[in-house]
Amino acid sequence: MAERSLPGTPSEVDDRLGLAGDTVRRILHVAAALRHRQDEEIAALGLTPAAARALHELDPDHPSPARDLAARLGCDRSNVTGLADKLEQAGLVERRSDPTDRRQKALVVTARGRQVRERVRQVMSDSRLLDGLSTAELAMLGDLVWKVSDGGCPEECGEV
């Protein structure tokens, strides 16, 4: 008769740790593959990943002061200045006087910026790596990812 591991025995703990480690490595591999594909497509748009994320965070219907964008990106306002410069040079945003505080400049997404922003949104939502999953498998994966991400985003989850 085969010997069964009792819950919590060293053998079961080792099996769980090994399985968890393998799973984490696979998650990191998938994340790296997604990031690589996104970075290539974003570069084809003439943007860096940081500039694409900044453009994505801007609301095309509401001008945004740089400080608000910095807060959404979780970075220092001085970093946003460089990103805004790049986006402005590319014709994707314009700096205009903030109607609520004329001392401030607001970032306004241009018509071209709207088009590129929509393409960035599509790139960031690209799910081709998941094409091999059935609808049921995709739903299960979504539920499991949600569960391990603490209902969407654990404390200090950082950039998504």
C-alpha atoms as a PDB file:
ATOM      1  CA  MET A   1       0.000   0.000   0.000  1.00  0.00           C
ATOM      2  CA  ALA A   2       1.372   3.438  -0.995  1.00  0.00           C
ATOM      3  CA  GLU A   3       2.139   5.813   1.813  1.00  0.00           C
ATOM      4  CA  ARG A   4       0.031   8.984   1.749  1.00  0.00           C
ATOM      5  CA  SER A   5       1.279  12.303   3.037  1.00  0.00           C
ATOM      6  CA  LEU A   6      -0.615  13.730   5.949  1.00  0.00           C
ATOM      7  CA  PRO A   7      -1.658  17.374   5.603  1.00  0.00           C
ATOM      8  CA  GLY A   8       1.156  19.565   6.776  1.00  0.00           C
ATOM      9  CA  THR A   9       3.838  16.882   6.573  1.00  0.00           C
ATOM     10  CA  PRO A  10       7.234  17.943   5.203  1.00  0.00           C
ATOM     11  CA  SER A  11       6.520  16.096   1.943  1.00  0.00           C
ATOM     12  CA  GLU A  12       3.216  17.922   1.381  1.00  0.00           C
ATOM     13  CA  VAL A  13       4.793  21.260   2.301  1.00  0.00           C
ATOM     14  CA  ASP A  14       7.653  20.635  -0.157  1.00  0.00           C
ATOM     15  CA  ASP A  15       5.170  19.660  -2.896  1.00  0.00           C
ATOM     16  CA  ARG A  16       3.139  22.838  -2.307  1.00  0.00           C
ATOM     17  CA  LEU A  17       6.234  25.049  -2.266  1.00  0.00           C
ATOM     18  CA  GLY A  18       7.487  23.479  -5.491  1.00  0.00           C
ATOM     19  CA  LEU A  19       4.126  23.865  -7.191  1.00  0.00           C
ATOM     20  CA  ALA A  20       3.808  27.479  -6.010  1.00  0.00           C
ATOM     21  CA  GLY A  21       7.341  28.252  -7.212  1.00  0.00           C
ATOM     22  CA  ASP A  22       6.662  26.746 -10.631  1.00  0.00           C
ATOM     23  CA  THR A  23       3.417  28.701 -10.876  1.00  0.00           C
ATOM     24  CA  VAL A  24       5.099  31.993  -9.975  1.00  0.00           C
ATOM     25  CA  ARG A  25       7.805  31.394 -12.594  1.00  0.00           C
ATOM     26  CA  ARG A  26       5.150  30.685 -15.224  1.00  0.00           C
ATOM     27  CA  ILE A  27       3.198  33.820 -14.256  1.00  0.00           C
ATOM     28  CA  LEU A  28       6.397  35.853 -14.587  1.00  0.00           C
ATOM     29  CA  HIS A  29       7.072  34.254 -17.979  1.00  0.00           C
ATOM     30  CA  VAL A  30       3.584  35.158 -19.215  1.00  0.00           C
ATOM     31  CA  ALA A  31       3.952  38.703 -17.842  1.00  0.00           C
ATOM     32  CA  ALA A  32       7.314  39.087 -19.592  1.00  0.00           C
ATOM     33  CA  ALA A  33       5.861  37.815 -22.879  1.00  0.00           C
ATOM     34  CA  LEU A  34       2.949  40.260 -22.613  1.00  0.00           C
ATOM     35  CA  ARG A  35       5.300  43.126 -21.752  1.00  0.00           C
ATOM     36  CA  HIS A  36       7.643  42.270 -24.650  1.00  0.00           C
ATOM     37  CA  ARG A  37       4.788  42.230 -27.149  1.00  0.00           C
ATOM     38  CA  GLN A  38       3.362  45.480 -25.770  1.00  0.00           C
ATOM     39  CA  ASP A  39       6.751  47.212 -25.792  1.00  0.00           C
ATOM     40  CA  GLU A  40       7.303  46.256 -29.455  1.00  0.00           C
ATOM     41  CA  GLU A  41       3.906  47.562 -30.526  1.00  0.00           C
ATOM     42  CA  ILE A  42       4.261  50.729 -28.464  1.00  0.00           C
ATOM     43  CA  ALA A  43       7.698  51.355 -29.990  1.00  0.00           C
ATOM     44  CA  ALA A  44       6.104  50.985 -33.444  1.00  0.00           C
ATOM     45  CA  LEU A  45       3.863  53.914 -32.450  1.00  0.00           C
ATOM     46  CA  GLY A  46       6.996  55.958 -31.723  1.00  0.00           C
ATOM     47  CA  LEU A  47       6.458  55.907 -27.963  1.00  0.00           C
ATOM     48  CA  THR A  48       8.305  54.626 -24.955  1.00  0.00           C
ATOM     49  CA  PRO A  49       6.337  52.456 -22.516  1.00  0.00           C
ATOM     50  CA  ALA A  50       6.346  55.341 -20.004  1.00  0.00           C
ATOM     51  CA  ALA A  51       5.048  57.857 -22.555  1.00  0.00           C
ATOM     52  CA  ALA A  52       2.364  55.394 -23.701  1.00  0.00           C
ATOM     53  CA  ARG A  53       1.233  54.877 -20.120  1.00  0.00           C
ATOM     54  CA  ALA A  54       1.125  58.640 -19.551  1.00  0.00           C
ATOM     55  CA  LEU A  55      -0.979  59.142 -22.689  1.00  0.00           C
ATOM     56  CA  HIS A  56      -3.240  56.273 -21.626  1.00  0.00           C
ATOM     57  CA  GLU A  57      -3.790  57.884 -18.213  1.00  0.00           C
ATOM     58  CA  LEU A  58      -4.854  61.233 -19.692  1.00  0.00           C
ATOM     59  CA  ASP A  59      -8.585  61.769 -20.117  1.00  0.00           C
ATOM     60  CA  PRO A  60      -9.076  63.156 -23.633  1.00  0.00           C
ATOM     61  CA  ASP A  61     -12.227  64.968 -22.538  1.00  0.00           C
ATOM     62  CA  HIS A  62     -10.742  66.681 -19.481  1.00  0.00           C
ATOM     63  CA  PRO A  63      -7.485  68.666 -19.530  1.00  0.00           C
ATOM     64  CA  SER A  64      -5.196  67.535 -16.734  1.00  0.00           C
ATOM     65  CA  PRO A  65      -2.524  69.402 -14.787  1.00  0.00           C
ATOM     66  CA  ALA A  66       0.830  67.614 -14.704  1.00  0.00           C
ATOM     67  CA  ARG A  67       0.511  67.113 -10.937  1.00  0.00           C
ATOM     68  CA  ASP A  68      -2.681  65.077 -11.448  1.00  0.00           C
ATOM     69  CA  LEU A  69      -0.995  62.924 -14.072  1.00  0.00           C
ATOM     70  CA  ALA A  70       1.985  62.425 -11.742  1.00  0.00           C
ATOM     71  CA  ALA A  71      -0.399  61.248  -9.002  1.00  0.00           C
ATOM     72  CA  ARG A  72      -2.090  58.770 -11.374  1.00  0.00           C
ATOM     73  CA  LEU A  73       1.281  57.456 -12.528  1.00  0.00           C
ATOM     74  CA  GLY A  74       2.637  57.332  -8.979  1.00  0.00           C
ATOM     75  CA  CYS A  75       5.730  59.312  -9.896  1.00  0.00           C
ATOM     76  CA  ASP A  76       7.369  62.655  -9.246  1.00  0.00           C
ATOM     77  CA  ARG A  77       6.024  65.664 -11.138  1.00  0.00           C
ATOM     78  CA  SER A  78       9.479  66.271 -12.642  1.00  0.00           C
ATOM     79  CA  ASN A  79       9.210  62.906 -14.435  1.00  0.00           C
ATOM     80  CA  VAL A  80       5.902  63.970 -15.953  1.00  0.00           C
ATOM     81  CA  THR A  81       7.534  67.086 -17.397  1.00  0.00           C
ATOM     82  CA  GLY A  82       9.798  64.938 -19.574  1.00  0.00           C
ATOM     83  CA  LEU A  83       6.927  62.664 -20.582  1.00  0.00           C
ATOM     84  CA  ALA A  84       4.729  65.651 -21.432  1.00  0.00           C
ATOM     85  CA  ASP A  85       7.583  67.127 -23.498  1.00  0.00           C
ATOM     86  CA  LYS A  86       7.835  63.897 -25.529  1.00  0.00           C
ATOM     87  CA  LEU A  87       4.071  63.695 -26.017  1.00  0.00           C
ATOM     88  CA  GLU A  88       3.906  67.364 -27.013  1.00  0.00           C
ATOM     89  CA  GLN A  89       6.795  66.995 -29.488  1.00  0.00           C
ATOM     90  CA  ALA A  90       4.950  64.052 -31.050  1.00  0.00           C
ATOM     91  CA  GLY A  91       1.817  66.198 -31.428  1.00  0.00           C
ATOM     92  CA  LEU A  92      -0.190  64.013 -29.051  1.00  0.00           C
ATOM     93  CA  VAL A  93      -0.802  66.597 -26.320  1.00  0.00           C
ATOM     94  CA  GLU A  94      -0.721  70.360 -25.999  1.00  0.00           C
ATOM     95  CA  ARG A  95      -0.023  72.460 -22.945  1.00  0.00           C
ATOM     96  CA  ARG A  96      -2.682  75.089 -22.365  1.00  0.00           C
ATOM     97  CA  SER A  97      -3.489  77.437 -19.531  1.00  0.00           C
ATOM     98  CA  ASP A  98      -5.632  75.665 -16.954  1.00  0.00           C
ATOM     99  CA  PRO A  99      -9.038  77.397 -16.959  1.00  0.00           C
ATOM    100  CA  THR A 100      -9.340  76.940 -13.185  1.00  0.00           C
ATOM    101  CA  ASP A 101      -5.834  78.277 -12.424  1.00  0.00           C
ATOM    102  CA  ARG A 102      -4.172  80.338 -15.137  1.00  0.00           C
ATOM    103  CA  ARG A 103      -0.782  79.932 -13.403  1.00  0.00           C
ATOM    104  CA  GLN A 104      -0.921  76.218 -14.209  1.00  0.00           C
ATOM    105  CA  LYS A 105      -0.645  74.473 -17.551  1.00  0.00           C
ATOM    106  CA  ALA A 106      -2.989  71.620 -18.354  1.00  0.00           C
ATOM    107  CA  LEU A 107      -2.251  68.747 -20.702  1.00  0.00           C
ATOM    108  CA  VAL A 108      -4.824  68.473 -23.480  1.00  0.00           C
ATOM    109  CA  VAL A 109      -4.960  65.399 -25.711  1.00  0.00           C
ATOM    110  CA  THR A 110      -4.960  66.396 -29.401  1.00  0.00           C
ATOM    111  CA  ALA A 111      -7.023  64.741 -32.132  1.00  0.00           C
ATOM    112  CA  ARG A 112      -3.958  62.718 -33.162  1.00  0.00           C
ATOM    113  CA  GLY A 113      -3.351  61.952 -29.488  1.00  0.00           C
ATOM    114  CA  ARG A 114      -6.855  60.513 -29.215  1.00  0.00           C
ATOM    115  CA  GLN A 115      -6.161  58.149 -32.113  1.00  0.00           C
ATOM    116  CA  VAL A 116      -2.805  57.024 -30.711  1.00  0.00           C
ATOM    117  CA  ARG A 117      -4.292  56.740 -27.203  1.00  0.00           C
ATOM    118  CA  GLU A 118      -6.964  54.376 -28.547  1.00  0.00           C
ATOM    119  CA  ARG A 119      -4.272  52.268 -30.219  1.00  0.00           C
ATOM    120  CA  VAL A 120      -2.288  52.222 -26.932  1.00  0.00           C
ATOM    121  CA  ARG A 121      -5.442  51.036 -25.138  1.00  0.00           C
ATOM    122  CA  GLN A 122      -5.809  48.226 -27.676  1.00  0.00           C
ATOM    123  CA  VAL A 123      -2.159  47.224 -27.291  1.00  0.00           C
ATOM    124  CA  MET A 124      -2.457  47.212 -23.491  1.00  0.00           C
ATOM    125  CA  SER A 125      -5.546  44.993 -23.744  1.00  0.00           C
ATOM    126  CA  ASP A 126      -4.105  42.543 -26.295  1.00  0.00           C
ATOM    127  CA  SER A 127      -5.081  39.049 -25.208  1.00  0.00           C
ATOM    128  CA  ARG A 128      -3.658  36.917 -28.054  1.00  0.00           C
ATOM    129  CA  LEU A 129      -1.611  34.881 -25.576  1.00  0.00           C
ATOM    130  CA  LEU A 130      -4.907  33.668 -24.128  1.00  0.00           C
ATOM    131  CA  ASP A 131      -6.410  32.586 -27.469  1.00  0.00           C
ATOM    132  CA  GLY A 132      -5.757  28.895 -26.710  1.00  0.00           C
ATOM    133  CA  LEU A 133      -8.079  28.948 -23.698  1.00  0.00           C
ATOM    134  CA  SER A 134     -11.730  28.020 -23.838  1.00  0.00           C
ATOM    135  CA  THR A 135     -14.242  30.506 -22.463  1.00  0.00           C
ATOM    136  CA  ALA A 136     -14.571  28.396 -19.299  1.00  0.00           C
ATOM    137  CA  GLU A 137     -10.778  28.245 -18.873  1.00  0.00           C
ATOM    138  CA  LEU A 138     -10.475  31.990 -19.439  1.00  0.00           C
ATOM    139  CA  ALA A 139     -13.167  32.633 -16.816  1.00  0.00           C
ATOM    140  CA  MET A 140     -11.393  30.313 -14.370  1.00  0.00           C
ATOM    141  CA  LEU A 141      -8.036  31.984 -15.012  1.00  0.00           C
ATOM    142  CA  GLY A 142      -9.635  35.390 -14.533  1.00  0.00           C
ATOM    143  CA  ASP A 143     -11.138  34.272 -11.218  1.00  0.00           C
ATOM    144  CA  LEU A 144      -7.828  32.833 -10.013  1.00  0.00           C
ATOM    145  CA  VAL A 145      -5.830  35.917 -11.018  1.00  0.00           C
ATOM    146  CA  TRP A 146      -8.409  38.094  -9.267  1.00  0.00           C
ATOM    147  CA  LYS A 147      -8.143  35.929  -6.146  1.00  0.00           C
ATOM    148  CA  VAL A 148      -4.334  36.016  -5.954  1.00  0.00           C
ATOM    149  CA  SER A 149      -4.289  39.731  -6.691  1.00  0.00           C
ATOM    150  CA  ASP A 150      -6.335  40.387  -3.559  1.00  0.00           C
ATOM    151  CA  GLY A 151      -9.498  41.362  -5.362  1.00  0.00           C
ATOM    152  CA  GLY A 152      -7.826  43.369  -8.077  1.00  0.00           C
ATOM    153  CA  CYS A 153      -4.722  44.895  -6.587  1.00  0.00           C
ATOM    154  CA  PRO A 154      -2.812  43.994  -3.447  1.00  0.00           C
ATOM    155  CA  GLU A 155      -1.291  46.732  -1.315  1.00  0.00           C
ATOM    156  CA  GLU A 156       1.250  48.715  -3.258  1.00  0.00           C
ATOM    157  CA  CYS A 157       0.676  46.672  -6.411  1.00  0.00           C
ATOM    158  CA  GLY A 158       2.346  49.320  -8.498  1.00  0.00           C
ATOM    159  CA  GLU A 159       2.133  49.570 -12.276  1.00  0.00           C
ATOM    160  CA  VAL A 160      -0.314  47.343 -14.057  1.00  0.00           C
END
